[in-house]
Amino acid sequence: MALEREYEFYKASKAAWVAEGREGQYALIHHEALLGFFPDVHAALVAGYDAYGLHEPFMCHKVAAVEPVIVCRRPVCNATPLP
């Protein structure tokens, strides 16, 4: 799976980041390394491309204590959070 290491690092670190007050910020992750936190996804992507270029995968993930669940139904995708 693509970005599996990055996602596992995010899940393992998320609780500590939320406790630090990082919720709502975007974490930039490459392998098991955190490059930093950014106020929006655009700033995180720019930093990621500057650091890793176009051909090295990296992850930008919004830090959230509770991850939203999005349900997609054919033919229209409804971004409907589940309780």
PDB file of N, CA and C in Angstrom:
ATOM      1  N   MET A   1       0.836  -1.175   0.000  1.00  0.00           N
ATOM      2  CA  MET A   1       0.000   0.000   0.000  1.00  0.00           C
ATOM      3  C   MET A   1       0.891   1.252   0.000  1.00  0.00           C
ATOM      4  N   ALA A   2       0.539   2.224  -0.785  1.00  0.00           N
ATOM      5  CA  ALA A   2       1.302   3.461  -0.860  1.00  0.00           C
ATOM      6  C   ALA A   2       1.181   4.236   0.451  1.00  0.00           C
ATOM      7  N   LEU A   3       2.275   4.787   0.899  1.00  0.00           N
ATOM      8  CA  LEU A   3       2.331   5.631   2.100  1.00  0.00           C
ATOM      9  C   LEU A   3       1.932   4.902   3.383  1.00  0.00           C
ATOM     10  N   GLU A   4       2.070   3.597   3.395  1.00  0.00           N
ATOM     11  CA  GLU A   4       1.701   2.816   4.575  1.00  0.00           C
ATOM     12  C   GLU A   4       2.565   3.201   5.783  1.00  0.00           C
ATOM     13  N   ARG A   5       3.874   3.344   5.577  1.00  0.00           N
ATOM     14  CA  ARG A   5       4.767   3.712   6.682  1.00  0.00           C
ATOM     15  C   ARG A   5       4.392   5.086   7.242  1.00  0.00           C
ATOM     16  N   GLU A   6       4.109   6.022   6.349  1.00  0.00           N
ATOM     17  CA  GLU A   6       3.743   7.365   6.779  1.00  0.00           C
ATOM     18  C   GLU A   6       2.444   7.357   7.583  1.00  0.00           C
ATOM     19  N   TYR A   7       1.463   6.580   7.124  1.00  0.00           N
ATOM     20  CA  TYR A   7       0.181   6.535   7.821  1.00  0.00           C
ATOM     21  C   TYR A   7       0.321   5.866   9.190  1.00  0.00           C
ATOM     22  N   GLU A   8       1.120   4.821   9.276  1.00  0.00           N
ATOM     23  CA  GLU A   8       1.348   4.162  10.571  1.00  0.00           C
ATOM     24  C   GLU A   8       2.049   5.122  11.534  1.00  0.00           C
ATOM     25  N   PHE A   9       3.000   5.904  11.033  1.00  0.00           N
ATOM     26  CA  PHE A   9       3.675   6.908  11.858  1.00  0.00           C
ATOM     27  C   PHE A   9       2.670   7.959  12.338  1.00  0.00           C
ATOM     28  N   TYR A  10       1.796   8.408  11.425  1.00  0.00           N
ATOM     29  CA  TYR A  10       0.759   9.376  11.803  1.00  0.00           C
ATOM     30  C   TYR A  10      -0.116   8.819  12.923  1.00  0.00           C
ATOM     31  N   LYS A  11      -0.616   7.596  12.757  1.00  0.00           N
ATOM     32  CA  LYS A  11      -1.508   7.003  13.764  1.00  0.00           C
ATOM     33  C   LYS A  11      -0.812   6.859  15.116  1.00  0.00           C
ATOM     34  N   ALA A  12       0.473   6.483  15.089  1.00  0.00           N
ATOM     35  CA  ALA A  12       1.221   6.300  16.328  1.00  0.00           C
ATOM     36  C   ALA A  12       1.509   7.634  17.027  1.00  0.00           C
ATOM     37  N   SER A  13       1.593   8.715  16.268  1.00  0.00           N
ATOM     38  CA  SER A  13       1.972  10.022  16.810  1.00  0.00           C
ATOM     39  C   SER A  13       0.786  10.946  17.089  1.00  0.00           C
ATOM     40  N   LYS A  14      -0.373  10.619  16.528  1.00  0.00           N
ATOM     41  CA  LYS A  14      -1.524  11.522  16.551  1.00  0.00           C
ATOM     42  C   LYS A  14      -1.922  11.960  17.960  1.00  0.00           C
ATOM     43  N   ALA A  15      -2.024  11.062  18.899  1.00  0.00           N
ATOM     44  CA  ALA A  15      -2.467  11.409  20.253  1.00  0.00           C
ATOM     45  C   ALA A  15      -1.527  12.428  20.897  1.00  0.00           C
ATOM     46  N   ALA A  16      -0.239  12.248  20.724  1.00  0.00           N
ATOM     47  CA  ALA A  16       0.731  13.187  21.292  1.00  0.00           C
ATOM     48  C   ALA A  16       0.604  14.549  20.629  1.00  0.00           C
ATOM     49  N   TRP A  17       0.392  14.573  19.321  1.00  0.00           N
ATOM     50  CA  TRP A  17       0.252  15.841  18.605  1.00  0.00           C
ATOM     51  C   TRP A  17      -1.011  16.580  19.030  1.00  0.00           C
ATOM     52  N   VAL A  18      -2.089  15.843  19.222  1.00  0.00           N
ATOM     53  CA  VAL A  18      -3.334  16.463  19.699  1.00  0.00           C
ATOM     54  C   VAL A  18      -3.109  17.039  21.092  1.00  0.00           C
ATOM     55  N   ALA A  19      -2.420  16.289  21.952  1.00  0.00           N
ATOM     56  CA  ALA A  19      -2.136  16.772  23.309  1.00  0.00           C
ATOM     57  C   ALA A  19      -1.251  18.024  23.291  1.00  0.00           C
ATOM     58  N   GLU A  20      -0.405  18.165  22.276  1.00  0.00           N
ATOM     59  CA  GLU A  20       0.457  19.346  22.128  1.00  0.00           C
ATOM     60  C   GLU A  20      -0.296  20.554  21.562  1.00  0.00           C
ATOM     61  N   GLY A  21      -1.550  20.340  21.166  1.00  0.00           N
ATOM     62  CA  GLY A  21      -2.328  21.432  20.586  1.00  0.00           C
ATOM     63  C   GLY A  21      -2.163  21.577  19.085  1.00  0.00           C
ATOM     64  N   ARG A  22      -1.755  20.519  18.416  1.00  0.00           N
ATOM     65  CA  ARG A  22      -1.529  20.552  16.965  1.00  0.00           C
ATOM     66  C   ARG A  22      -2.775  20.224  16.151  1.00  0.00           C
ATOM     67  N   GLU A  23      -3.897  19.949  16.804  1.00  0.00           N
ATOM     68  CA  GLU A  23      -5.120  19.581  16.078  1.00  0.00           C
ATOM     69  C   GLU A  23      -5.509  20.697  15.114  1.00  0.00           C
ATOM     70  N   GLY A  24      -5.833  20.305  13.888  1.00  0.00           N
ATOM     71  CA  GLY A  24      -6.205  21.260  12.850  1.00  0.00           C
ATOM     72  C   GLY A  24      -5.042  21.656  11.956  1.00  0.00           C
ATOM     73  N   GLN A  25      -3.822  21.389  12.399  1.00  0.00           N
ATOM     74  CA  GLN A  25      -2.647  21.664  11.575  1.00  0.00           C
ATOM     75  C   GLN A  25      -2.370  20.459  10.679  1.00  0.00           C
ATOM     76  N   TYR A  26      -1.548  20.668   9.671  1.00  0.00           N
ATOM     77  CA  TYR A  26      -1.198  19.596   8.733  1.00  0.00           C
ATOM     78  C   TYR A  26       0.211  19.108   9.007  1.00  0.00           C
ATOM     79  N   ALA A  27       0.352  17.813   9.255  1.00  0.00           N
ATOM     80  CA  ALA A  27       1.650  17.193   9.478  1.00  0.00           C
ATOM     81  C   ALA A  27       2.222  16.757   8.137  1.00  0.00           C
ATOM     82  N   LEU A  28       3.485  17.068   7.910  1.00  0.00           N
ATOM     83  CA  LEU A  28       4.183  16.630   6.697  1.00  0.00           C
ATOM     84  C   LEU A  28       5.106  15.496   7.097  1.00  0.00           C
ATOM     85  N   ILE A  29       4.857  14.311   6.533  1.00  0.00           N
ATOM     86  CA  ILE A  29       5.531  13.086   6.959  1.00  0.00           C
ATOM     87  C   ILE A  29       6.190  12.419   5.760  1.00  0.00           C
ATOM     88  N   HIS A  30       7.438  11.992   5.972  1.00  0.00           N
ATOM     89  CA  HIS A  30       8.169  11.209   4.969  1.00  0.00           C
ATOM     90  C   HIS A  30       8.761  10.008   5.693  1.00  0.00           C
ATOM     91  N   HIS A  31       8.363   8.805   5.282  1.00  0.00           N
ATOM     92  CA  HIS A  31       8.712   7.567   5.985  1.00  0.00           C
ATOM     93  C   HIS A  31       8.277   7.697   7.444  1.00  0.00           C
ATOM     94  N   GLU A  32       9.199   7.589   8.397  1.00  0.00           N
ATOM     95  CA  GLU A  32       8.839   7.740   9.814  1.00  0.00           C
ATOM     96  C   GLU A  32       9.410   9.039  10.370  1.00  0.00           C
ATOM     97  N   ALA A  33       9.456  10.067   9.534  1.00  0.00           N
ATOM     98  CA  ALA A  33      10.008  11.354   9.959  1.00  0.00           C
ATOM     99  C   ALA A  33       8.986  12.458   9.737  1.00  0.00           C
ATOM    100  N   LEU A  34       8.900  13.338  10.721  1.00  0.00           N
ATOM    101  CA  LEU A  34       8.024  14.501  10.638  1.00  0.00           C
ATOM    102  C   LEU A  34       8.863  15.685  10.176  1.00  0.00           C
ATOM    103  N   LEU A  35       8.481  16.279   9.025  1.00  0.00           N
ATOM    104  CA  LEU A  35       9.190  17.467   8.563  1.00  0.00           C
ATOM    105  C   LEU A  35       8.699  18.706   9.305  1.00  0.00           C
ATOM    106  N   GLY A  36       7.424  18.726   9.665  1.00  0.00           N
ATOM    107  CA  GLY A  36       6.897  19.856  10.412  1.00  0.00           C
ATOM    108  C   GLY A  36       5.390  19.927  10.342  1.00  0.00           C
ATOM    109  N   PHE A  37       4.843  20.962  10.980  1.00  0.00           N
ATOM    110  CA  PHE A  37       3.405  21.220  10.973  1.00  0.00           C
ATOM    111  C   PHE A  37       3.153  22.509  10.212  1.00  0.00           C
ATOM    112  N   PHE A  38       2.022  22.552   9.504  1.00  0.00           N
ATOM    113  CA  PHE A  38       1.701  23.683   8.645  1.00  0.00           C
ATOM    114  C   PHE A  38       0.249  24.079   8.862  1.00  0.00           C
ATOM    115  N   PRO A  39      -0.059  25.365   8.655  1.00  0.00           N
ATOM    116  CA  PRO A  39      -1.416  25.844   8.946  1.00  0.00           C
ATOM    117  C   PRO A  39      -2.470  25.388   7.948  1.00  0.00           C
ATOM    118  N   ASP A  40      -2.048  25.040   6.728  1.00  0.00           N
ATOM    119  CA  ASP A  40      -3.003  24.585   5.711  1.00  0.00           C
ATOM    120  C   ASP A  40      -2.332  23.585   4.781  1.00  0.00           C
ATOM    121  N   VAL A  41      -3.151  22.885   4.013  1.00  0.00           N
ATOM    122  CA  VAL A  41      -2.638  21.832   3.148  1.00  0.00           C
ATOM    123  C   VAL A  41      -1.740  22.402   2.051  1.00  0.00           C
ATOM    124  N   HIS A  42      -2.042  23.600   1.571  1.00  0.00           N
ATOM    125  CA  HIS A  42      -1.214  24.195   0.521  1.00  0.00           C
ATOM    126  C   HIS A  42       0.219  24.417   1.026  1.00  0.00           C
ATOM    127  N   ALA A  43       0.367  24.990   2.198  1.00  0.00           N
ATOM    128  CA  ALA A  43       1.700  25.233   2.756  1.00  0.00           C
ATOM    129  C   ALA A  43       2.442  23.913   2.981  1.00  0.00           C
ATOM    130  N   ALA A  44       1.726  22.883   3.431  1.00  0.00           N
ATOM    131  CA  ALA A  44       2.352  21.580   3.651  1.00  0.00           C
ATOM    132  C   ALA A  44       2.808  20.957   2.329  1.00  0.00           C
ATOM    133  N   LEU A  45       1.982  21.057   1.299  1.00  0.00           N
ATOM    134  CA  LEU A  45       2.360  20.498  -0.002  1.00  0.00           C
ATOM    135  C   LEU A  45       3.555  21.226  -0.605  1.00  0.00           C
ATOM    136  N   VAL A  46       3.573  22.543  -0.505  1.00  0.00           N
ATOM    137  CA  VAL A  46       4.702  23.313  -1.027  1.00  0.00           C
ATOM    138  C   VAL A  46       5.989  22.878  -0.322  1.00  0.00           C
ATOM    139  N   ALA A  47       5.946  22.767   0.998  1.00  0.00           N
ATOM    140  CA  ALA A  47       7.124  22.334   1.750  1.00  0.00           C
ATOM    141  C   ALA A  47       7.531  20.914   1.373  1.00  0.00           C
ATOM    142  N   GLY A  48       6.554  20.048   1.167  1.00  0.00           N
ATOM    143  CA  GLY A  48       6.846  18.671   0.781  1.00  0.00           C
ATOM    144  C   GLY A  48       7.518  18.585  -0.581  1.00  0.00           C
ATOM    145  N   TYR A  49       6.999  19.314  -1.553  1.00  0.00           N
ATOM    146  CA  TYR A  49       7.616  19.298  -2.882  1.00  0.00           C
ATOM    147  C   TYR A  49       8.990  19.954  -2.858  1.00  0.00           C
ATOM    148  N   ASP A  50       9.163  21.001  -2.049  1.00  0.00           N
ATOM    149  CA  ASP A  50      10.487  21.621  -1.916  1.00  0.00           C
ATOM    150  C   ASP A  50      11.493  20.636  -1.322  1.00  0.00           C
ATOM    151  N   ALA A  51      11.057  19.875  -0.330  1.00  0.00           N
ATOM    152  CA  ALA A  51      11.959  18.948   0.361  1.00  0.00           C
ATOM    153  C   ALA A  51      12.211  17.663  -0.410  1.00  0.00           C
ATOM    154  N   TYR A  52      11.164  17.114  -1.062  1.00  0.00           N
ATOM    155  CA  TYR A  52      11.273  15.774  -1.629  1.00  0.00           C
ATOM    156  C   TYR A  52      11.116  15.710  -3.141  1.00  0.00           C
ATOM    157  N   GLY A  53      10.741  16.799  -3.776  1.00  0.00           N
ATOM    158  CA  GLY A  53      10.583  16.799  -5.221  1.00  0.00           C
ATOM    159  C   GLY A  53       9.276  16.152  -5.653  1.00  0.00           C
ATOM    160  N   LEU A  54       9.182  15.935  -6.950  1.00  0.00           N
ATOM    161  CA  LEU A  54       7.945  15.394  -7.530  1.00  0.00           C
ATOM    162  C   LEU A  54       7.880  13.876  -7.532  1.00  0.00           C
ATOM    163  N   HIS A  55       8.997  13.187  -7.315  1.00  0.00           N
ATOM    164  CA  HIS A  55       9.012  11.736  -7.489  1.00  0.00           C
ATOM    165  C   HIS A  55       9.191  10.952  -6.195  1.00  0.00           C
ATOM    166  N   GLU A  56       9.330  11.641  -5.078  1.00  0.00           N
ATOM    167  CA  GLU A  56       9.460  10.972  -3.787  1.00  0.00           C
ATOM    168  C   GLU A  56       8.154  11.150  -3.016  1.00  0.00           C
ATOM    169  N   PRO A  57       7.475  10.060  -2.658  1.00  0.00           N
ATOM    170  CA  PRO A  57       6.185  10.197  -1.973  1.00  0.00           C
ATOM    171  C   PRO A  57       6.339  10.733  -0.544  1.00  0.00           C
ATOM    172  N   PHE A  58       5.379  11.524  -0.140  1.00  0.00           N
ATOM    173  CA  PHE A  58       5.285  12.048   1.217  1.00  0.00           C
ATOM    174  C   PHE A  58       3.808  12.222   1.530  1.00  0.00           C
ATOM    175  N   MET A  59       3.496  12.412   2.800  1.00  0.00           N
ATOM    176  CA  MET A  59       2.098  12.534   3.212  1.00  0.00           C
ATOM    177  C   MET A  59       1.871  13.845   3.943  1.00  0.00           C
ATOM    178  N   CYS A  60       0.798  14.530   3.595  1.00  0.00           N
ATOM    179  CA  CYS A  60       0.287  15.674   4.352  1.00  0.00           C
ATOM    180  C   CYS A  60      -1.025  15.208   4.962  1.00  0.00           C
ATOM    181  N   HIS A  61      -1.121  15.261   6.277  1.00  0.00           N
ATOM    182  CA  HIS A  61      -2.329  14.764   6.936  1.00  0.00           C
ATOM    183  C   HIS A  61      -2.768  15.759   7.996  1.00  0.00           C
ATOM    184  N   LYS A  62      -4.039  16.114   7.973  1.00  0.00           N
ATOM    185  CA  LYS A  62      -4.590  17.022   8.982  1.00  0.00           C
ATOM    186  C   LYS A  62      -4.686  16.285  10.310  1.00  0.00           C
ATOM    187  N   VAL A  63      -4.128  16.872  11.344  1.00  0.00           N
ATOM    188  CA  VAL A  63      -4.151  16.270  12.676  1.00  0.00           C
ATOM    189  C   VAL A  63      -5.554  16.447  13.247  1.00  0.00           C
ATOM    190  N   ALA A  64      -6.190  15.332  13.586  1.00  0.00           N
ATOM    191  CA  ALA A  64      -7.556  15.356  14.102  1.00  0.00           C
ATOM    192  C   ALA A  64      -7.719  14.278  15.164  1.00  0.00           C
ATOM    193  N   ALA A  65      -8.281  14.655  16.303  1.00  0.00           N
ATOM    194  CA  ALA A  65      -8.522  13.691  17.376  1.00  0.00           C
ATOM    195  C   ALA A  65      -9.501  12.615  16.911  1.00  0.00           C
ATOM    196  N   VAL A  66     -10.500  13.038  16.145  1.00  0.00           N
ATOM    197  CA  VAL A  66     -11.500  12.113  15.609  1.00  0.00           C
ATOM    198  C   VAL A  66     -11.478  12.243  14.093  1.00  0.00           C
ATOM    199  N   GLU A  67     -11.216  11.143  13.418  1.00  0.00           N
ATOM    200  CA  GLU A  67     -11.156  11.130  11.956  1.00  0.00           C
ATOM    201  C   GLU A  67     -12.580  11.041  11.401  1.00  0.00           C
ATOM    202  N   PRO A  68     -12.929  11.900  10.460  1.00  0.00           N
ATOM    203  CA  PRO A  68     -14.270  11.797   9.863  1.00  0.00           C
ATOM    204  C   PRO A  68     -14.371  10.559   8.971  1.00  0.00           C
ATOM    205  N   VAL A  69     -15.547   9.996   8.941  1.00  0.00           N
ATOM    206  CA  VAL A  69     -15.828   8.870   8.039  1.00  0.00           C
ATOM    207  C   VAL A  69     -16.654   9.421   6.893  1.00  0.00           C
ATOM    208  N   ILE A  70     -16.205   9.201   5.682  1.00  0.00           N
ATOM    209  CA  ILE A  70     -16.907   9.698   4.502  1.00  0.00           C
ATOM    210  C   ILE A  70     -17.496   8.508   3.763  1.00  0.00           C
ATOM    211  N   VAL A  71     -18.793   8.564   3.530  1.00  0.00           N
ATOM    212  CA  VAL A  71     -19.493   7.484   2.837  1.00  0.00           C
ATOM    213  C   VAL A  71     -19.769   7.935   1.411  1.00  0.00           C
ATOM    214  N   CYS A  72     -19.335   7.148   0.449  1.00  0.00           N
ATOM    215  CA  CYS A  72     -19.586   7.451  -0.969  1.00  0.00           C
ATOM    216  C   CYS A  72     -20.536   6.405  -1.529  1.00  0.00           C
ATOM    217  N   ARG A  73     -21.574   6.898  -2.154  1.00  0.00           N
ATOM    218  CA  ARG A  73     -22.536   6.006  -2.798  1.00  0.00           C
ATOM    219  C   ARG A  73     -22.575   6.332  -4.279  1.00  0.00           C
ATOM    220  N   ARG A  74     -22.730   5.343  -5.100  1.00  0.00           N
ATOM    221  CA  ARG A  74     -22.819   5.589  -6.537  1.00  0.00           C
ATOM    222  C   ARG A  74     -24.168   6.119  -6.894  1.00  0.00           C
ATOM    223  N   PRO A  75     -24.316   6.960  -7.829  1.00  0.00           N
ATOM    224  CA  PRO A  75     -23.298   7.596  -8.659  1.00  0.00           C
ATOM    225  C   PRO A  75     -22.768   8.901  -8.078  1.00  0.00           C
ATOM    226  N   VAL A  76     -23.299   9.331  -6.931  1.00  0.00           N
ATOM    227  CA  VAL A  76     -22.895  10.609  -6.358  1.00  0.00           C
ATOM    228  C   VAL A  76     -22.189  10.341  -5.039  1.00  0.00           C
ATOM    229  N   CYS A  77     -21.109  11.080  -4.790  1.00  0.00           N
ATOM    230  CA  CYS A  77     -20.392  10.955  -3.533  1.00  0.00           C
ATOM    231  C   CYS A  77     -20.923  11.989  -2.545  1.00  0.00           C
ATOM    232  N   ASN A  78     -21.446  11.517  -1.423  1.00  0.00           N
ATOM    233  CA  ASN A  78     -21.924  12.413  -0.367  1.00  0.00           C
ATOM    234  C   ASN A  78     -20.924  12.363   0.775  1.00  0.00           C
ATOM    235  N   ALA A  79     -20.352  13.494   1.123  1.00  0.00           N
ATOM    236  CA  ALA A  79     -19.437  13.542   2.250  1.00  0.00           C
ATOM    237  C   ALA A  79     -20.264  13.619   3.532  1.00  0.00           C
ATOM    238  N   THR A  80     -20.749  12.468   3.985  1.00  0.00           N
ATOM    239  CA  THR A  80     -21.644  12.401   5.120  1.00  0.00           C
ATOM    240  C   THR A  80     -20.924  11.766   6.304  1.00  0.00           C
ATOM    241  N   PRO A  81     -20.592  12.538   7.328  1.00  0.00           N
ATOM    242  CA  PRO A  81     -19.969  11.933   8.513  1.00  0.00           C
ATOM    243  C   PRO A  81     -20.940  10.992   9.202  1.00  0.00           C
ATOM    244  N   LEU A  82     -20.439   9.866   9.633  1.00  0.00           N
ATOM    245  CA  LEU A  82     -21.248   8.914  10.395  1.00  0.00           C
ATOM    246  C   LEU A  82     -21.128   9.226  11.869  1.00  0.00           C
ATOM    247  N   PRO A  83     -22.165   8.936  12.644  1.00  0.00           N
ATOM    248  CA  PRO A  83     -22.101   9.203  14.097  1.00  0.00           C
ATOM    249  C   PRO A  83     -21.096   8.310  14.785  1.00  0.00           C
TER     250      PRO A  83
END
